[in-house]
């Protein structure tokens, strides 16, 4: 029995290509690569870490505590103004404020992920916890820099497509640090061990670094050059103290904070404990 095959309509084909074209421009592609680098650390510290700890026999209470080590991601707004304000000697003048911080943080993050992989939690739980919180702090700081830099390199007409690409890249980073790391490290996969699994995943910093090298400086340096110089006290008031004061003067500010905390708490704990539950149920 034969069936007729209908050739794709050239008009439809052109329509699809026209729809995809804005996402394939150079700067939205750079945003995608930045998203890959941004997405992998948190995945390593949630699902992948929970799976690893379960496989080596760590109890659930300790795993729950370990998931709490990702708290820097929740508190990163506290030091974001300092990342915006303080320059890195020499490097900032060479490559700009955003890229200087990005390159330094990524280099440190690369090292901390390697050390986390080598920490052997079943034998040195304290060392493991130390490198986990260092990795969380550096991953959160990388998020701060990438979010600011992405906004600065995208023209207004490319901002929606670049933001969508960035989110897609973030999920790719999650996938690499989740499925990819477990496939490399676990005995059900390649069985190469957690040290090598985490170490290879650390190379996910490279896409973001390459994107930053290509995209050039952000707008920060040009905008900062036009602004009048502020003293430390005035900057602290305008950037940190003032916004907090203004927020808490609003009606229902505390209730809003409690709502956000309660809303995210269950989701965060459930996501972190999902892999330990799967391991306990006997799934490979």
C-alpha atoms as a PDB file:
ATOM      1  CA  UNK A   1       0.000   0.000   0.000  1.00  0.00           C
ATOM      2  CA  UNK A   2       1.435   3.327  -1.026  1.00  0.00           C
ATOM      3  CA  UNK A   3       0.933   6.635   0.704  1.00  0.00           C
ATOM      4  CA  UNK A   4       1.434   9.979  -0.889  1.00  0.00           C
ATOM      5  CA  UNK A   5       4.109  12.149   0.657  1.00  0.00           C
ATOM      6  CA  UNK A   6       3.501  15.848   0.655  1.00  0.00           C
ATOM      7  CA  UNK A   7       6.521  18.035   0.086  1.00  0.00           C
ATOM      8  CA  UNK A   8       7.004  20.808   2.636  1.00  0.00           C
ATOM      9  CA  UNK A   9       5.431  24.042   1.556  1.00  0.00           C
ATOM     10  CA  UNK A  10       8.220  26.519   0.669  1.00  0.00           C
ATOM     11  CA  UNK A  11       6.205  29.282   2.312  1.00  0.00           C
ATOM     12  CA  UNK A  12       5.973  27.301   5.560  1.00  0.00           C
ATOM     13  CA  UNK A  13       9.687  26.523   5.406  1.00  0.00           C
ATOM     14  CA  UNK A  14      10.527  30.201   4.994  1.00  0.00           C
ATOM     15  CA  UNK A  15       8.171  31.021   7.851  1.00  0.00           C
ATOM     16  CA  UNK A  16       9.956  28.601  10.192  1.00  0.00           C
ATOM     17  CA  UNK A  17      13.370  29.929   9.193  1.00  0.00           C
ATOM     18  CA  UNK A  18      12.174  33.490   9.688  1.00  0.00           C
ATOM     19  CA  UNK A  19      10.909  32.568  13.162  1.00  0.00           C
ATOM     20  CA  UNK A  20      14.208  30.964  14.151  1.00  0.00           C
ATOM     21  CA  UNK A  21      16.439  33.617  12.597  1.00  0.00           C
ATOM     22  CA  UNK A  22      16.406  36.065  15.563  1.00  0.00           C
ATOM     23  CA  UNK A  23      17.522  33.284  17.911  1.00  0.00           C
ATOM     24  CA  UNK A  24      20.474  32.433  15.673  1.00  0.00           C
ATOM     25  CA  UNK A  25      21.987  35.895  15.654  1.00  0.00           C
ATOM     26  CA  UNK A  26      25.453  36.155  17.218  1.00  0.00           C
ATOM     27  CA  UNK A  27      24.522  37.907  20.463  1.00  0.00           C
ATOM     28  CA  UNK A  28      21.540  35.678  21.320  1.00  0.00           C
ATOM     29  CA  UNK A  29      23.850  32.704  20.667  1.00  0.00           C
ATOM     30  CA  UNK A  30      26.332  34.274  23.102  1.00  0.00           C
ATOM     31  CA  UNK A  31      23.491  34.492  25.640  1.00  0.00           C
ATOM     32  CA  UNK A  32      22.807  30.777  25.118  1.00  0.00           C
ATOM     33  CA  UNK A  33      26.454  29.913  25.819  1.00  0.00           C
ATOM     34  CA  UNK A  34      26.418  32.079  28.939  1.00  0.00           C
ATOM     35  CA  UNK A  35      23.316  30.192  30.069  1.00  0.00           C
ATOM     36  CA  UNK A  36      25.112  26.843  29.816  1.00  0.00           C
ATOM     37  CA  UNK A  37      27.833  28.059  32.168  1.00  0.00           C
ATOM     38  CA  UNK A  38      25.258  29.573  34.500  1.00  0.00           C
ATOM     39  CA  UNK A  39      23.102  26.455  34.705  1.00  0.00           C
ATOM     40  CA  UNK A  40      25.502  23.693  35.641  1.00  0.00           C
ATOM     41  CA  UNK A  41      26.668  24.521  39.220  1.00  0.00           C
ATOM     42  CA  UNK A  42      23.247  24.460  40.887  1.00  0.00           C
ATOM     43  CA  UNK A  43      22.331  21.160  39.214  1.00  0.00           C
ATOM     44  CA  UNK A  44      25.547  19.645  40.563  1.00  0.00           C
ATOM     45  CA  UNK A  45      24.608  20.799  44.063  1.00  0.00           C
ATOM     46  CA  UNK A  46      21.007  19.587  44.039  1.00  0.00           C
ATOM     47  CA  UNK A  47      19.957  16.497  42.103  1.00  0.00           C
ATOM     48  CA  UNK A  48      23.415  15.188  41.236  1.00  0.00           C
ATOM     49  CA  UNK A  49      24.830  15.686  44.708  1.00  0.00           C
ATOM     50  CA  UNK A  50      21.799  14.039  46.305  1.00  0.00           C
ATOM     51  CA  UNK A  51      22.198  11.041  44.000  1.00  0.00           C
ATOM     52  CA  UNK A  52      25.916  10.801  44.772  1.00  0.00           C
ATOM     53  CA  UNK A  53      25.420  10.967  48.543  1.00  0.00           C
ATOM     54  CA  UNK A  54      22.697   8.326  48.377  1.00  0.00           C
ATOM     55  CA  UNK A  55      24.889   5.967  46.366  1.00  0.00           C
ATOM     56  CA  UNK A  56      27.706   6.142  48.925  1.00  0.00           C
ATOM     57  CA  UNK A  57      25.368   5.491  51.865  1.00  0.00           C
ATOM     58  CA  UNK A  58      24.927   8.951  53.405  1.00  0.00           C
ATOM     59  CA  UNK A  59      21.719   9.176  55.485  1.00  0.00           C
ATOM     60  CA  UNK A  60      18.792  11.361  54.430  1.00  0.00           C
ATOM     61  CA  UNK A  61      19.155  13.911  57.232  1.00  0.00           C
ATOM     62  CA  UNK A  62      22.695  14.634  56.146  1.00  0.00           C
ATOM     63  CA  UNK A  63      21.598  14.849  52.518  1.00  0.00           C
ATOM     64  CA  UNK A  64      18.928  17.364  53.509  1.00  0.00           C
ATOM     65  CA  UNK A  65      21.563  19.403  55.317  1.00  0.00           C
ATOM     66  CA  UNK A  66      23.834  19.226  52.276  1.00  0.00           C
ATOM     67  CA  UNK A  67      21.054  20.603  50.086  1.00  0.00           C
ATOM     68  CA  UNK A  68      20.861  23.529  52.501  1.00  0.00           C
ATOM     69  CA  UNK A  69      24.423  24.396  51.504  1.00  0.00           C
ATOM     70  CA  UNK A  70      22.983  25.931  48.328  1.00  0.00           C
ATOM     71  CA  UNK A  71      21.722  28.862  50.447  1.00  0.00           C
ATOM     72  CA  UNK A  72      24.147  31.312  48.732  1.00  0.00           C
ATOM     73  CA  UNK A  73      21.885  31.138  45.669  1.00  0.00           C
ATOM     74  CA  UNK A  74      19.065  32.544  47.797  1.00  0.00           C
ATOM     75  CA  UNK A  75      21.215  35.246  49.385  1.00  0.00           C
ATOM     76  CA  UNK A  76      23.216  36.366  46.354  1.00  0.00           C
ATOM     77  CA  UNK A  77      21.404  39.703  46.239  1.00  0.00           C
ATOM     78  CA  UNK A  78      23.335  40.658  49.387  1.00  0.00           C
ATOM     79  CA  UNK A  79      26.730  40.834  47.663  1.00  0.00           C
ATOM     80  CA  UNK A  80      25.561  41.647  44.124  1.00  0.00           C
ATOM     81  CA  UNK A  81      26.090  45.418  44.673  1.00  0.00           C
ATOM     82  CA  UNK A  82      29.708  44.804  45.664  1.00  0.00           C
ATOM     83  CA  UNK A  83      30.331  42.824  42.467  1.00  0.00           C
ATOM     84  CA  UNK A  84      28.949  45.804  40.586  1.00  0.00           C
ATOM     85  CA  UNK A  85      31.036  48.327  42.510  1.00  0.00           C
ATOM     86  CA  UNK A  86      34.495  46.903  43.133  1.00  0.00           C
ATOM     87  CA  UNK A  87      37.049  46.481  40.383  1.00  0.00           C
ATOM     88  CA  UNK A  88      39.591  43.690  40.007  1.00  0.00           C
ATOM     89  CA  UNK A  89      43.047  45.264  39.726  1.00  0.00           C
ATOM     90  CA  UNK A  90      44.581  45.222  36.241  1.00  0.00           C
ATOM     91  CA  UNK A  91      42.026  42.788  34.803  1.00  0.00           C
ATOM     92  CA  UNK A  92      39.136  45.257  34.924  1.00  0.00           C
ATOM     93  CA  UNK A  93      41.134  47.787  32.906  1.00  0.00           C
ATOM     94  CA  UNK A  94      42.040  45.118  30.353  1.00  0.00           C
ATOM     95  CA  UNK A  95      38.683  43.434  29.731  1.00  0.00           C
ATOM     96  CA  UNK A  96      36.059  45.505  31.557  1.00  0.00           C
ATOM     97  CA  UNK A  97      34.210  45.108  34.849  1.00  0.00           C
ATOM     98  CA  UNK A  98      31.805  42.322  33.921  1.00  0.00           C
ATOM     99  CA  UNK A  99      34.254  40.116  32.073  1.00  0.00           C
ATOM    100  CA  UNK A 100      36.966  40.593  34.701  1.00  0.00           C
ATOM    101  CA  UNK A 101      34.671  39.280  37.417  1.00  0.00           C
ATOM    102  CA  UNK A 102      33.374  36.523  35.141  1.00  0.00           C
ATOM    103  CA  UNK A 103      36.831  35.184  34.278  1.00  0.00           C
ATOM    104  CA  UNK A 104      38.046  35.251  37.889  1.00  0.00           C
ATOM    105  CA  UNK A 105      34.903  33.636  39.292  1.00  0.00           C
ATOM    106  CA  UNK A 106      34.879  30.968  36.583  1.00  0.00           C
ATOM    107  CA  UNK A 107      38.513  30.073  37.235  1.00  0.00           C
ATOM    108  CA  UNK A 108      37.773  29.679  40.951  1.00  0.00           C
ATOM    109  CA  UNK A 109      34.556  27.776  40.205  1.00  0.00           C
ATOM    110  CA  UNK A 110      36.416  25.369  37.933  1.00  0.00           C
ATOM    111  CA  UNK A 111      38.838  24.589  40.770  1.00  0.00           C
ATOM    112  CA  UNK A 112      36.146  24.267  43.437  1.00  0.00           C
ATOM    113  CA  UNK A 113      34.100  21.799  41.364  1.00  0.00           C
ATOM    114  CA  UNK A 114      37.202  19.648  40.876  1.00  0.00           C
ATOM    115  CA  UNK A 115      37.902  19.747  44.625  1.00  0.00           C
ATOM    116  CA  UNK A 116      34.271  18.894  45.383  1.00  0.00           C
ATOM    117  CA  UNK A 117      34.526  15.850  43.137  1.00  0.00           C
ATOM    118  CA  UNK A 118      37.666  14.681  44.938  1.00  0.00           C
ATOM    119  CA  UNK A 119      36.279  15.272  48.451  1.00  0.00           C
ATOM    120  CA  UNK A 120      35.009  11.691  49.117  1.00  0.00           C
ATOM    121  CA  UNK A 121      31.968  12.496  51.334  1.00  0.00           C
ATOM    122  CA  UNK A 122      31.779   8.986  52.777  1.00  0.00           C
ATOM    123  CA  UNK A 123      35.200   9.570  54.371  1.00  0.00           C
ATOM    124  CA  UNK A 124      35.573  13.353  54.704  1.00  0.00           C
ATOM    125  CA  UNK A 125      32.099  14.827  55.068  1.00  0.00           C
ATOM    126  CA  UNK A 126      33.392  18.100  56.516  1.00  0.00           C
ATOM    127  CA  UNK A 127      35.723  18.652  53.560  1.00  0.00           C
ATOM    128  CA  UNK A 128      32.860  17.828  51.208  1.00  0.00           C
ATOM    129  CA  UNK A 129      30.567  20.363  52.921  1.00  0.00           C
ATOM    130  CA  UNK A 130      33.265  23.051  52.701  1.00  0.00           C
ATOM    131  CA  UNK A 131      33.769  22.632  48.964  1.00  0.00           C
ATOM    132  CA  UNK A 132      30.012  22.375  48.391  1.00  0.00           C
ATOM    133  CA  UNK A 133      29.361  25.758  49.988  1.00  0.00           C
ATOM    134  CA  UNK A 134      32.361  27.304  48.195  1.00  0.00           C
ATOM    135  CA  UNK A 135      30.985  26.002  44.901  1.00  0.00           C
ATOM    136  CA  UNK A 136      27.525  27.343  45.759  1.00  0.00           C
ATOM    137  CA  UNK A 137      28.947  30.784  46.573  1.00  0.00           C
ATOM    138  CA  UNK A 138      30.973  30.920  43.359  1.00  0.00           C
ATOM    139  CA  UNK A 139      28.089  29.580  41.263  1.00  0.00           C
ATOM    140  CA  UNK A 140      25.748  32.211  42.706  1.00  0.00           C
ATOM    141  CA  UNK A 141      28.330  34.925  42.061  1.00  0.00           C
ATOM    142  CA  UNK A 142      28.717  33.722  38.480  1.00  0.00           C
ATOM    143  CA  UNK A 143      24.935  34.064  38.101  1.00  0.00           C
ATOM    144  CA  UNK A 144      25.140  37.677  39.290  1.00  0.00           C
ATOM    145  CA  UNK A 145      27.811  38.543  36.742  1.00  0.00           C
ATOM    146  CA  UNK A 146      26.228  36.657  33.830  1.00  0.00           C
ATOM    147  CA  UNK A 147      22.783  38.173  34.410  1.00  0.00           C
ATOM    148  CA  UNK A 148      24.218  41.695  34.381  1.00  0.00           C
ATOM    149  CA  UNK A 149      26.541  41.044  31.450  1.00  0.00           C
ATOM    150  CA  UNK A 150      23.809  39.415  29.351  1.00  0.00           C
ATOM    151  CA  UNK A 151      21.585  42.476  29.683  1.00  0.00           C
ATOM    152  CA  UNK A 152      24.463  44.754  28.711  1.00  0.00           C
ATOM    153  CA  UNK A 153      25.512  42.925  25.537  1.00  0.00           C
ATOM    154  CA  UNK A 154      22.024  42.445  24.074  1.00  0.00           C
ATOM    155  CA  UNK A 155      20.526  45.294  22.017  1.00  0.00           C
ATOM    156  CA  UNK A 156      16.938  46.120  22.913  1.00  0.00           C
ATOM    157  CA  UNK A 157      15.517  44.408  19.822  1.00  0.00           C
ATOM    158  CA  UNK A 158      17.440  41.192  20.595  1.00  0.00           C
ATOM    159  CA  UNK A 159      16.714  41.138  24.325  1.00  0.00           C
ATOM    160  CA  UNK A 160      13.635  38.832  24.173  1.00  0.00           C
ATOM    161  CA  UNK A 161      15.385  36.294  21.930  1.00  0.00           C
ATOM    162  CA  UNK A 162      18.615  36.483  23.923  1.00  0.00           C
ATOM    163  CA  UNK A 163      16.738  35.960  27.184  1.00  0.00           C
ATOM    164  CA  UNK A 164      14.928  32.925  25.759  1.00  0.00           C
ATOM    165  CA  UNK A 165      18.228  31.527  24.484  1.00  0.00           C
ATOM    166  CA  UNK A 166      19.786  32.118  27.884  1.00  0.00           C
ATOM    167  CA  UNK A 167      17.064  30.097  29.590  1.00  0.00           C
ATOM    168  CA  UNK A 168      17.473  27.305  27.043  1.00  0.00           C
ATOM    169  CA  UNK A 169      21.222  27.325  27.668  1.00  0.00           C
ATOM    170  CA  UNK A 170      20.582  27.234  31.412  1.00  0.00           C
ATOM    171  CA  UNK A 171      18.549  24.048  30.988  1.00  0.00           C
ATOM    172  CA  UNK A 172      21.285  22.552  28.827  1.00  0.00           C
ATOM    173  CA  UNK A 173      23.726  23.284  31.652  1.00  0.00           C
ATOM    174  CA  UNK A 174      21.322  21.603  34.083  1.00  0.00           C
ATOM    175  CA  UNK A 175      21.140  18.584  31.791  1.00  0.00           C
ATOM    176  CA  UNK A 176      24.909  18.324  31.437  1.00  0.00           C
ATOM    177  CA  UNK A 177      25.432  18.535  35.199  1.00  0.00           C
ATOM    178  CA  UNK A 178      22.586  16.147  35.944  1.00  0.00           C
ATOM    179  CA  UNK A 179      22.278  13.341  33.414  1.00  0.00           C
ATOM    180  CA  UNK A 180      25.759  13.939  32.011  1.00  0.00           C
ATOM    181  CA  UNK A 181      27.641  13.823  35.305  1.00  0.00           C
ATOM    182  CA  UNK A 182      25.709  10.826  36.614  1.00  0.00           C
ATOM    183  CA  UNK A 183      26.242   8.946  33.333  1.00  0.00           C
ATOM    184  CA  UNK A 184      29.996   9.570  33.541  1.00  0.00           C
ATOM    185  CA  UNK A 185      30.422   8.860  37.244  1.00  0.00           C
ATOM    186  CA  UNK A 186      27.972   6.189  38.362  1.00  0.00           C
ATOM    187  CA  UNK A 187      28.416   2.452  38.064  1.00  0.00           C
ATOM    188  CA  UNK A 188      25.207   2.280  36.005  1.00  0.00           C
ATOM    189  CA  UNK A 189      26.851   4.532  33.413  1.00  0.00           C
ATOM    190  CA  UNK A 190      30.493   4.723  32.391  1.00  0.00           C
ATOM    191  CA  UNK A 191      31.624   4.136  35.966  1.00  0.00           C
ATOM    192  CA  UNK A 192      34.537   6.587  35.800  1.00  0.00           C
ATOM    193  CA  UNK A 193      34.004   7.831  39.347  1.00  0.00           C
ATOM    194  CA  UNK A 194      32.651  11.013  40.889  1.00  0.00           C
ATOM    195  CA  UNK A 195      35.960  12.844  40.897  1.00  0.00           C
ATOM    196  CA  UNK A 196      36.276  12.575  37.122  1.00  0.00           C
ATOM    197  CA  UNK A 197      32.544  13.127  36.614  1.00  0.00           C
ATOM    198  CA  UNK A 198      32.579  16.411  38.507  1.00  0.00           C
ATOM    199  CA  UNK A 199      35.924  17.372  37.007  1.00  0.00           C
ATOM    200  CA  UNK A 200      34.708  16.970  33.436  1.00  0.00           C
ATOM    201  CA  UNK A 201      31.497  18.835  34.218  1.00  0.00           C
ATOM    202  CA  UNK A 202      33.598  21.767  35.443  1.00  0.00           C
ATOM    203  CA  UNK A 203      34.518  22.408  31.804  1.00  0.00           C
ATOM    204  CA  UNK A 204      31.002  23.811  31.383  1.00  0.00           C
ATOM    205  CA  UNK A 205      32.551  27.160  32.338  1.00  0.00           C
ATOM    206  CA  UNK A 206      34.168  27.264  28.880  1.00  0.00           C
ATOM    207  CA  UNK A 207      31.076  28.173  26.778  1.00  0.00           C
ATOM    208  CA  UNK A 208      30.435  31.259  28.896  1.00  0.00           C
ATOM    209  CA  UNK A 209      34.071  32.322  28.824  1.00  0.00           C
ATOM    210  CA  UNK A 210      34.224  31.972  25.033  1.00  0.00           C
ATOM    211  CA  UNK A 211      30.994  33.947  24.649  1.00  0.00           C
ATOM    212  CA  UNK A 212      32.394  36.743  26.816  1.00  0.00           C
ATOM    213  CA  UNK A 213      35.642  36.837  24.845  1.00  0.00           C
ATOM    214  CA  UNK A 214      33.682  37.183  21.621  1.00  0.00           C
ATOM    215  CA  UNK A 215      30.949  39.589  22.779  1.00  0.00           C
ATOM    216  CA  UNK A 216      33.339  42.158  24.243  1.00  0.00           C
ATOM    217  CA  UNK A 217      32.799  44.637  27.047  1.00  0.00           C
ATOM    218  CA  UNK A 218      29.381  45.328  28.481  1.00  0.00           C
ATOM    219  CA  UNK A 219      27.847  48.761  28.972  1.00  0.00           C
ATOM    220  CA  UNK A 220      28.952  48.997  32.612  1.00  0.00           C
ATOM    221  CA  UNK A 221      32.227  50.800  31.971  1.00  0.00           C
ATOM    222  CA  UNK A 222      30.713  53.416  29.660  1.00  0.00           C
ATOM    223  CA  UNK A 223      27.773  54.082  31.992  1.00  0.00           C
ATOM    224  CA  UNK A 224      30.019  54.270  35.063  1.00  0.00           C
ATOM    225  CA  UNK A 225      32.330  56.738  33.346  1.00  0.00           C
ATOM    226  CA  UNK A 226      29.419  59.169  32.880  1.00  0.00           C
ATOM    227  CA  UNK A 227      28.265  58.984  36.497  1.00  0.00           C
ATOM    228  CA  UNK A 228      29.613  61.344  39.169  1.00  0.00           C
ATOM    229  CA  UNK A 229      31.945  59.693  41.654  1.00  0.00           C
ATOM    230  CA  UNK A 230      30.237  58.684  44.897  1.00  0.00           C
ATOM    231  CA  UNK A 231      31.885  58.282  48.265  1.00  0.00           C
ATOM    232  CA  UNK A 232      31.685  54.896  49.948  1.00  0.00           C
ATOM    233  CA  UNK A 233      29.032  56.023  52.436  1.00  0.00           C
ATOM    234  CA  UNK A 234      26.846  57.616  49.782  1.00  0.00           C
ATOM    235  CA  UNK A 235      27.142  54.560  47.533  1.00  0.00           C
ATOM    236  CA  UNK A 236      26.226  52.252  50.440  1.00  0.00           C
ATOM    237  CA  UNK A 237      23.151  54.344  51.193  1.00  0.00           C
ATOM    238  CA  UNK A 238      21.971  54.547  47.574  1.00  0.00           C
ATOM    239  CA  UNK A 239      22.705  50.934  46.632  1.00  0.00           C
ATOM    240  CA  UNK A 240      21.989  48.827  49.718  1.00  0.00           C
ATOM    241  CA  UNK A 241      20.508  50.622  52.710  1.00  0.00           C
ATOM    242  CA  UNK A 242      18.079  52.822  50.779  1.00  0.00           C
ATOM    243  CA  UNK A 243      16.408  50.047  48.738  1.00  0.00           C
ATOM    244  CA  UNK A 244      15.993  47.834  51.823  1.00  0.00           C
ATOM    245  CA  UNK A 245      14.499  50.723  53.792  1.00  0.00           C
ATOM    246  CA  UNK A 246      12.139  51.592  50.965  1.00  0.00           C
ATOM    247  CA  UNK A 247      10.987  47.973  50.601  1.00  0.00           C
ATOM    248  CA  UNK A 248      10.284  47.402  54.291  1.00  0.00           C
ATOM    249  CA  UNK A 249       8.336  50.659  54.493  1.00  0.00           C
ATOM    250  CA  UNK A 250       5.837  49.225  52.041  1.00  0.00           C
ATOM    251  CA  UNK A 251       2.666  47.641  53.349  1.00  0.00           C
ATOM    252  CA  UNK A 252       2.875  43.847  53.611  1.00  0.00           C
ATOM    253  CA  UNK A 253       6.626  43.624  52.933  1.00  0.00           C
ATOM    254  CA  UNK A 254       7.198  40.950  55.588  1.00  0.00           C
ATOM    255  CA  UNK A 255       4.232  38.912  54.343  1.00  0.00           C
ATOM    256  CA  UNK A 256       5.627  39.013  50.814  1.00  0.00           C
ATOM    257  CA  UNK A 257       8.980  37.692  52.051  1.00  0.00           C
ATOM    258  CA  UNK A 258       7.296  34.919  54.044  1.00  0.00           C
ATOM    259  CA  UNK A 259       5.192  33.946  51.030  1.00  0.00           C
ATOM    260  CA  UNK A 260       8.255  33.675  48.790  1.00  0.00           C
ATOM    261  CA  UNK A 261      10.125  31.652  51.430  1.00  0.00           C
ATOM    262  CA  UNK A 262       7.287  29.191  52.031  1.00  0.00           C
ATOM    263  CA  UNK A 263       6.477  28.926  48.325  1.00  0.00           C
ATOM    264  CA  UNK A 264      10.045  27.990  47.387  1.00  0.00           C
ATOM    265  CA  UNK A 265      10.876  25.839  50.422  1.00  0.00           C
ATOM    266  CA  UNK A 266       8.837  22.783  49.504  1.00  0.00           C
ATOM    267  CA  UNK A 267       9.899  22.868  45.865  1.00  0.00           C
ATOM    268  CA  UNK A 268      13.585  23.167  46.748  1.00  0.00           C
ATOM    269  CA  UNK A 269      13.526  20.343  49.285  1.00  0.00           C
ATOM    270  CA  UNK A 270      11.413  18.113  47.053  1.00  0.00           C
ATOM    271  CA  UNK A 271      13.731  18.604  44.099  1.00  0.00           C
ATOM    272  CA  UNK A 272      16.792  17.893  46.201  1.00  0.00           C
ATOM    273  CA  UNK A 273      15.394  14.704  47.758  1.00  0.00           C
ATOM    274  CA  UNK A 274      13.963  13.268  44.528  1.00  0.00           C
ATOM    275  CA  UNK A 275      17.116  11.421  43.475  1.00  0.00           C
ATOM    276  CA  UNK A 276      17.734   9.901  46.937  1.00  0.00           C
ATOM    277  CA  UNK A 277      14.162   8.572  46.848  1.00  0.00           C
ATOM    278  CA  UNK A 278      14.715   7.084  43.378  1.00  0.00           C
ATOM    279  CA  UNK A 279      17.908   5.384  44.564  1.00  0.00           C
ATOM    280  CA  UNK A 280      16.131   3.991  47.642  1.00  0.00           C
ATOM    281  CA  UNK A 281      13.354   2.574  45.467  1.00  0.00           C
ATOM    282  CA  UNK A 282      15.954   0.620  43.540  1.00  0.00           C
ATOM    283  CA  UNK A 283      15.926   2.401  40.208  1.00  0.00           C
ATOM    284  CA  UNK A 284      19.232   2.520  38.360  1.00  0.00           C
END
